[in-house]
PDB file of N, CA and C in Angstrom:
ATOM      1  N   UNK A   1       0.843  -1.177   0.000  1.00  0.00           N
ATOM      2  CA  UNK A   1       0.000   0.000   0.000  1.00  0.00           C
ATOM      3  C   UNK A   1       0.888   1.239   0.000  1.00  0.00           C
ATOM      4  N   UNK A   2       0.552   2.230  -0.810  1.00  0.00           N
ATOM      5  CA  UNK A   2       1.345   3.447  -0.943  1.00  0.00           C
ATOM      6  C   UNK A   2       1.211   4.332   0.293  1.00  0.00           C
ATOM      7  N   UNK A   3       2.292   5.025   0.594  1.00  0.00           N
ATOM      8  CA  UNK A   3       2.304   6.028   1.650  1.00  0.00           C
ATOM      9  C   UNK A   3       2.688   7.349   1.011  1.00  0.00           C
ATOM     10  N   UNK A   4       1.905   8.390   1.315  1.00  0.00           N
ATOM     11  CA  UNK A   4       2.147   9.709   0.770  1.00  0.00           C
ATOM     12  C   UNK A   4       2.700  10.592   1.880  1.00  0.00           C
ATOM     13  N   UNK A   5       3.934  11.056   1.713  1.00  0.00           N
ATOM     14  CA  UNK A   5       4.547  12.000   2.635  1.00  0.00           C
ATOM     15  C   UNK A   5       4.192  13.379   2.107  1.00  0.00           C
ATOM     16  N   UNK A   6       3.441  14.149   2.901  1.00  0.00           N
ATOM     17  CA  UNK A   6       2.915  15.418   2.418  1.00  0.00           C
ATOM     18  C   UNK A   6       3.381  16.550   3.317  1.00  0.00           C
ATOM     19  N   UNK A   7       4.008  17.542   2.692  1.00  0.00           N
ATOM     20  CA  UNK A   7       4.406  18.760   3.374  1.00  0.00           C
ATOM     21  C   UNK A   7       3.298  19.793   3.177  1.00  0.00           C
ATOM     22  N   UNK A   8       2.649  20.188   4.263  1.00  0.00           N
ATOM     23  CA  UNK A   8       1.591  21.192   4.217  1.00  0.00           C
ATOM     24  C   UNK A   8       2.180  22.543   4.615  1.00  0.00           C
ATOM     25  N   UNK A   9       2.034  23.533   3.743  1.00  0.00           N
ATOM     26  CA  UNK A   9       2.497  24.889   4.008  1.00  0.00           C
ATOM     27  C   UNK A   9       1.277  25.793   4.023  1.00  0.00           C
ATOM     28  N   UNK A  10       1.173  26.615   5.063  1.00  0.00           N
ATOM     29  CA  UNK A  10       0.011  27.485   5.245  1.00  0.00           C
ATOM     30  C   UNK A  10       0.380  28.910   4.832  1.00  0.00           C
ATOM     31  N   UNK A  11      -0.392  29.463   3.905  1.00  0.00           N
ATOM     32  CA  UNK A  11      -0.160  30.819   3.419  1.00  0.00           C
ATOM     33  C   UNK A  11      -0.981  31.797   4.259  1.00  0.00           C
ATOM     34  N   UNK A  12      -0.362  32.900   4.670  1.00  0.00           N
ATOM     35  CA  UNK A  12      -1.079  33.959   5.378  1.00  0.00           C
ATOM     36  C   UNK A  12      -1.467  33.615   6.795  1.00  0.00           C
ATOM     37  N   UNK A  13      -0.700  32.770   7.462  1.00  0.00           N
ATOM     38  CA  UNK A  13      -1.026  32.351   8.825  1.00  0.00           C
ATOM     39  C   UNK A  13       0.271  32.157   9.599  1.00  0.00           C
ATOM     40  N   UNK A  14       0.168  32.263  10.918  1.00  0.00           N
ATOM     41  CA  UNK A  14       1.316  31.972  11.773  1.00  0.00           C
ATOM     42  C   UNK A  14       1.502  30.472  11.972  1.00  0.00           C
ATOM     43  N   UNK A  15       0.552  29.682  11.505  1.00  0.00           N
ATOM     44  CA  UNK A  15       0.628  28.226  11.611  1.00  0.00           C
ATOM     45  C   UNK A  15       1.869  27.744  10.847  1.00  0.00           C
ATOM     46  N   UNK A  16       2.749  26.984  11.491  1.00  0.00           N
ATOM     47  CA  UNK A  16       3.985  26.569  10.830  1.00  0.00           C
ATOM     48  C   UNK A  16       3.816  25.469   9.774  1.00  0.00           C
ATOM     49  N   UNK A  17       2.641  24.865   9.684  1.00  0.00           N
ATOM     50  CA  UNK A  17       2.446  23.768   8.742  1.00  0.00           C
ATOM     51  C   UNK A  17       2.829  22.448   9.385  1.00  0.00           C
ATOM     52  N   UNK A  18       2.956  21.413   8.555  1.00  0.00           N
ATOM     53  CA  UNK A  18       3.260  20.081   9.091  1.00  0.00           C
ATOM     54  C   UNK A  18       3.655  19.152   7.957  1.00  0.00           C
ATOM     55  N   UNK A  19       4.216  18.023   8.335  1.00  0.00           N
ATOM     56  CA  UNK A  19       4.484  16.940   7.396  1.00  0.00           C
ATOM     57  C   UNK A  19       3.757  15.707   7.917  1.00  0.00           C
ATOM     58  N   UNK A  20       2.888  15.138   7.079  1.00  0.00           N
ATOM     59  CA  UNK A  20       2.088  13.981   7.466  1.00  0.00           C
ATOM     60  C   UNK A  20       2.371  12.809   6.534  1.00  0.00           C
ATOM     61  N   UNK A  21       2.225  11.612   7.057  1.00  0.00           N
ATOM     62  CA  UNK A  21       2.163  10.408   6.240  1.00  0.00           C
ATOM     63  C   UNK A  21       0.693  10.092   6.049  1.00  0.00           C
ATOM     64  N   UNK A  22       0.276   9.936   4.800  1.00  0.00           N
ATOM     65  CA  UNK A  22      -1.140   9.736   4.494  1.00  0.00           C
ATOM     66  C   UNK A  22      -1.306   8.519   3.596  1.00  0.00           C
ATOM     67  N   UNK A  23      -2.506   7.962   3.560  1.00  0.00           N
ATOM     68  CA  UNK A  23      -2.820   6.809   2.706  1.00  0.00           C
ATOM     69  C   UNK A  23      -3.314   7.226   1.331  1.00  0.00           C
ATOM     70  N   UNK A  24      -3.725   8.507   1.178  1.00  0.00           N
ATOM     71  CA  UNK A  24      -4.205   9.014  -0.108  1.00  0.00           C
ATOM     72  C   UNK A  24      -3.464  10.297  -0.441  1.00  0.00           C
ATOM     73  N   UNK A  25      -3.281  10.545  -1.721  1.00  0.00           N
ATOM     74  CA  UNK A  25      -2.635  11.783  -2.156  1.00  0.00           C
ATOM     75  C   UNK A  25      -3.564  12.966  -1.869  1.00  0.00           C
ATOM     76  N   UNK A  26      -3.001  14.104  -1.498  1.00  0.00           N
ATOM     77  CA  UNK A  26      -3.841  15.285  -1.270  1.00  0.00           C
ATOM     78  C   UNK A  26      -4.395  15.802  -2.599  1.00  0.00           C
ATOM     79  N   UNK A  27      -5.548  16.472  -2.524  1.00  0.00           N
ATOM     80  CA  UNK A  27      -6.173  17.060  -3.710  1.00  0.00           C
ATOM     81  C   UNK A  27      -6.619  18.474  -3.390  1.00  0.00           C
ATOM     82  N   UNK A  28      -6.632  19.319  -4.405  1.00  0.00           N
ATOM     83  CA  UNK A  28      -7.142  20.681  -4.236  1.00  0.00           C
ATOM     84  C   UNK A  28      -8.580  20.589  -3.748  1.00  0.00           C
ATOM     85  N   UNK A  29      -8.903  21.372  -2.723  1.00  0.00           N
ATOM     86  CA  UNK A  29     -10.253  21.359  -2.145  1.00  0.00           C
ATOM     87  C   UNK A  29     -10.356  20.519  -0.888  1.00  0.00           C
ATOM     88  N   UNK A  30      -9.391  19.626  -0.640  1.00  0.00           N
ATOM     89  CA  UNK A  30      -9.386  18.845   0.604  1.00  0.00           C
ATOM     90  C   UNK A  30      -9.265  19.786   1.799  1.00  0.00           C
ATOM     91  N   UNK A  31      -9.765  19.356   2.942  1.00  0.00           N
ATOM     92  CA  UNK A  31      -9.578  20.112   4.175  1.00  0.00           C
ATOM     93  C   UNK A  31      -8.627  19.343   5.085  1.00  0.00           C
ATOM     94  N   UNK A  32      -7.823  20.112   5.815  1.00  0.00           N
ATOM     95  CA  UNK A  32      -6.822  19.555   6.716  1.00  0.00           C
ATOM     96  C   UNK A  32      -6.964  20.252   8.057  1.00  0.00           C
ATOM     97  N   UNK A  33      -6.926  19.475   9.133  1.00  0.00           N
ATOM     98  CA  UNK A  33      -6.987  20.056  10.471  1.00  0.00           C
ATOM     99  C   UNK A  33      -5.597  20.005  11.096  1.00  0.00           C
ATOM    100  N   UNK A  34      -5.080  21.175  11.454  1.00  0.00           N
ATOM    101  CA  UNK A  34      -3.814  21.298  12.161  1.00  0.00           C
ATOM    102  C   UNK A  34      -4.098  22.019  13.467  1.00  0.00           C
ATOM    103  N   UNK A  35      -3.721  21.403  14.562  1.00  0.00           N
ATOM    104  CA  UNK A  35      -4.100  21.910  15.882  1.00  0.00           C
ATOM    105  C   UNK A  35      -5.624  22.025  15.908  1.00  0.00           C
ATOM    106  N   UNK A  36      -6.160  23.205  16.168  1.00  0.00           N
ATOM    107  CA  UNK A  36      -7.623  23.372  16.206  1.00  0.00           C
ATOM    108  C   UNK A  36      -8.141  24.165  15.018  1.00  0.00           C
ATOM    109  N   UNK A  37      -7.319  24.335  13.986  1.00  0.00           N
ATOM    110  CA  UNK A  37      -7.698  25.138  12.830  1.00  0.00           C
ATOM    111  C   UNK A  37      -7.912  24.261  11.603  1.00  0.00           C
ATOM    112  N   UNK A  38      -8.831  24.704  10.735  1.00  0.00           N
ATOM    113  CA  UNK A  38      -9.096  24.007   9.475  1.00  0.00           C
ATOM    114  C   UNK A  38      -8.492  24.790   8.320  1.00  0.00           C
ATOM    115  N   UNK A  39      -7.928  24.042   7.358  1.00  0.00           N
ATOM    116  CA  UNK A  39      -7.305  24.649   6.201  1.00  0.00           C
ATOM    117  C   UNK A  39      -7.789  23.949   4.945  1.00  0.00           C
ATOM    118  N   UNK A  40      -7.874  24.712   3.848  1.00  0.00           N
ATOM    119  CA  UNK A  40      -8.252  24.161   2.556  1.00  0.00           C
ATOM    120  C   UNK A  40      -7.014  24.063   1.678  1.00  0.00           C
ATOM    121  N   UNK A  41      -6.840  22.937   1.029  1.00  0.00           N
ATOM    122  CA  UNK A  41      -5.723  22.742   0.111  1.00  0.00           C
ATOM    123  C   UNK A  41      -6.017  23.512  -1.168  1.00  0.00           C
ATOM    124  N   UNK A  42      -5.095  24.412  -1.547  1.00  0.00           N
ATOM    125  CA  UNK A  42      -5.290  25.244  -2.739  1.00  0.00           C
ATOM    126  C   UNK A  42      -4.366  24.873  -3.888  1.00  0.00           C
ATOM    127  N   UNK A  43      -3.298  24.133  -3.591  1.00  0.00           N
ATOM    128  CA  UNK A  43      -2.337  23.755  -4.622  1.00  0.00           C
ATOM    129  C   UNK A  43      -1.624  22.478  -4.180  1.00  0.00           C
ATOM    130  N   UNK A  44      -1.387  21.584  -5.126  1.00  0.00           N
ATOM    131  CA  UNK A  44      -0.696  20.325  -4.824  1.00  0.00           C
ATOM    132  C   UNK A  44       0.285  20.040  -5.953  1.00  0.00           C
ATOM    133  N   UNK A  45       1.494  19.638  -5.592  1.00  0.00           N
ATOM    134  CA  UNK A  45       2.398  19.132  -6.611  1.00  0.00           C
ATOM    135  C   UNK A  45       3.339  18.091  -6.028  1.00  0.00           C
ATOM    136  N   UNK A  46       3.778  17.212  -6.900  1.00  0.00           N
ATOM    137  CA  UNK A  46       4.669  16.130  -6.510  1.00  0.00           C
ATOM    138  C   UNK A  46       6.089  16.682  -6.407  1.00  0.00           C
ATOM    139  N   UNK A  47       6.756  16.411  -5.288  1.00  0.00           N
ATOM    140  CA  UNK A  47       8.100  16.938  -5.067  1.00  0.00           C
ATOM    141  C   UNK A  47       9.164  16.166  -5.826  1.00  0.00           C
ATOM    142  N   UNK A  48       8.993  14.866  -5.918  1.00  0.00           N
ATOM    143  CA  UNK A  48       9.967  14.012  -6.602  1.00  0.00           C
ATOM    144  C   UNK A  48       9.280  12.721  -7.003  1.00  0.00           C
ATOM    145  N   UNK A  49       9.865  11.964  -7.906  1.00  0.00           N
ATOM    146  CA  UNK A  49       9.246  10.696  -8.299  1.00  0.00           C
ATOM    147  C   UNK A  49       9.140   9.742  -7.100  1.00  0.00           C
ATOM    148  N   UNK A  50       8.154   8.857  -7.126  1.00  0.00           N
ATOM    149  CA  UNK A  50       7.997   7.895  -6.025  1.00  0.00           C
ATOM    150  C   UNK A  50       9.249   7.041  -5.856  1.00  0.00           C
ATOM    151  N   UNK A  51       9.471   6.626  -4.624  1.00  0.00           N
ATOM    152  CA  UNK A  51      10.558   5.691  -4.306  1.00  0.00           C
ATOM    153  C   UNK A  51       9.912   4.496  -3.621  1.00  0.00           C
ATOM    154  N   UNK A  52       9.782   3.429  -4.366  1.00  0.00           N
ATOM    155  CA  UNK A  52       9.070   2.272  -3.837  1.00  0.00           C
ATOM    156  C   UNK A  52       7.618   2.644  -3.592  1.00  0.00           C
ATOM    157  N   UNK A  53       7.145   2.390  -2.388  1.00  0.00           N
ATOM    158  CA  UNK A  53       5.758   2.714  -2.033  1.00  0.00           C
ATOM    159  C   UNK A  53       5.599   4.114  -1.462  1.00  0.00           C
ATOM    160  N   UNK A  54       6.647   4.919  -1.465  1.00  0.00           N
ATOM    161  CA  UNK A  54       6.584   6.266  -0.893  1.00  0.00           C
ATOM    162  C   UNK A  54       6.488   7.317  -1.985  1.00  0.00           C
ATOM    163  N   UNK A  55       5.511   8.217  -1.823  1.00  0.00           N
ATOM    164  CA  UNK A  55       5.274   9.326  -2.741  1.00  0.00           C
ATOM    165  C   UNK A  55       5.449  10.617  -1.935  1.00  0.00           C
ATOM    166  N   UNK A  56       6.041  11.645  -2.563  1.00  0.00           N
ATOM    167  CA  UNK A  56       6.376  12.878  -1.853  1.00  0.00           C
ATOM    168  C   UNK A  56       5.650  14.056  -2.496  1.00  0.00           C
ATOM    169  N   UNK A  57       4.818  14.733  -1.687  1.00  0.00           N
ATOM    170  CA  UNK A  57       3.988  15.825  -2.189  1.00  0.00           C
ATOM    171  C   UNK A  57       4.142  17.077  -1.339  1.00  0.00           C
ATOM    172  N   UNK A  58       3.841  18.211  -1.973  1.00  0.00           N
ATOM    173  CA  UNK A  58       3.734  19.498  -1.293  1.00  0.00           C
ATOM    174  C   UNK A  58       2.311  19.974  -1.481  1.00  0.00           C
ATOM    175  N   UNK A  59       1.707  20.491  -0.415  1.00  0.00           N
ATOM    176  CA  UNK A  59       0.353  21.044  -0.504  1.00  0.00           C
ATOM    177  C   UNK A  59       0.344  22.427   0.129  1.00  0.00           C
ATOM    178  N   UNK A  60      -0.082  23.420  -0.640  1.00  0.00           N
ATOM    179  CA  UNK A  60      -0.249  24.770  -0.122  1.00  0.00           C
ATOM    180  C   UNK A  60      -1.691  24.896   0.354  1.00  0.00           C
ATOM    181  N   UNK A  61      -1.876  25.527   1.520  1.00  0.00           N
ATOM    182  CA  UNK A  61      -3.207  25.626   2.118  1.00  0.00           C
ATOM    183  C   UNK A  61      -3.509  27.057   2.535  1.00  0.00           C
ATOM    184  N   UNK A  62      -4.799  27.339   2.704  1.00  0.00           N
ATOM    185  CA  UNK A  62      -5.251  28.607   3.265  1.00  0.00           C
ATOM    186  C   UNK A  62      -6.187  28.300   4.412  1.00  0.00           C
ATOM    187  N   UNK A  63      -6.231  29.208   5.376  1.00  0.00           N
ATOM    188  CA  UNK A  63      -7.093  29.019   6.538  1.00  0.00           C
ATOM    189  C   UNK A  63      -8.551  29.166   6.126  1.00  0.00           C
ATOM    190  N   UNK A  64      -9.395  28.328   6.665  1.00  0.00           N
ATOM    191  CA  UNK A  64     -10.838  28.417   6.441  1.00  0.00           C
ATOM    192  C   UNK A  64     -11.436  29.204   7.595  1.00  0.00           C
ATOM    193  N   UNK A  65     -12.188  30.245   7.266  1.00  0.00           N
ATOM    194  CA  UNK A  65     -12.866  31.036   8.295  1.00  0.00           C
ATOM    195  C   UNK A  65     -14.134  30.289   8.681  1.00  0.00           C
ATOM    196  N   UNK A  66     -14.096  29.578   9.806  1.00  0.00           N
ATOM    197  CA  UNK A  66     -15.208  28.728  10.234  1.00  0.00           C
ATOM    198  C   UNK A  66     -16.466  29.546  10.479  1.00  0.00           C
ATOM    199  N   UNK A  67     -16.332  30.743  10.996  1.00  0.00           N
ATOM    200  CA  UNK A  67     -17.508  31.586  11.268  1.00  0.00           C
ATOM    201  C   UNK A  67     -18.257  31.919   9.990  1.00  0.00           C
ATOM    202  N   UNK A  68     -17.518  32.222   8.933  1.00  0.00           N
ATOM    203  CA  UNK A  68     -18.173  32.555   7.650  1.00  0.00           C
ATOM    204  C   UNK A  68     -18.824  31.327   7.033  1.00  0.00           C
ATOM    205  N   UNK A  69     -18.169  30.161   7.121  1.00  0.00           N
ATOM    206  CA  UNK A  69     -18.724  28.960   6.496  1.00  0.00           C
ATOM    207  C   UNK A  69     -19.894  28.388   7.281  1.00  0.00           C
ATOM    208  N   UNK A  70     -19.952  28.627   8.593  1.00  0.00           N
ATOM    209  CA  UNK A  70     -21.039  28.060   9.392  1.00  0.00           C
ATOM    210  C   UNK A  70     -22.323  28.872   9.305  1.00  0.00           C
ATOM    211  N   UNK A  71     -22.274  30.092   8.744  1.00  0.00           N
ATOM    212  CA  UNK A  71     -23.486  30.912   8.642  1.00  0.00           C
ATOM    213  C   UNK A  71     -24.183  30.746   7.312  1.00  0.00           C
ATOM    214  N   UNK A  72     -23.643  29.932   6.427  1.00  0.00           N
ATOM    215  CA  UNK A  72     -24.269  29.713   5.111  1.00  0.00           C
ATOM    216  C   UNK A  72     -25.418  28.764   5.200  1.00  0.00           C
TER     217      UNK A  72
END
């Protein structure tokens, strides 16, 4: 089974981001929870070709304003 090593970088936030091992590749529009904050993936690209069962990705994210989304 493939493992996706994903570097999450947060734009416009003091959140330092994270590196996760995941079972599925990230996709634009996915949501990610870091600490108590939610982020939306806005960009994804492969960092390097897979090595065995390991795939390496970068995902750029933006903070989701929960107050704005919960009033819709």
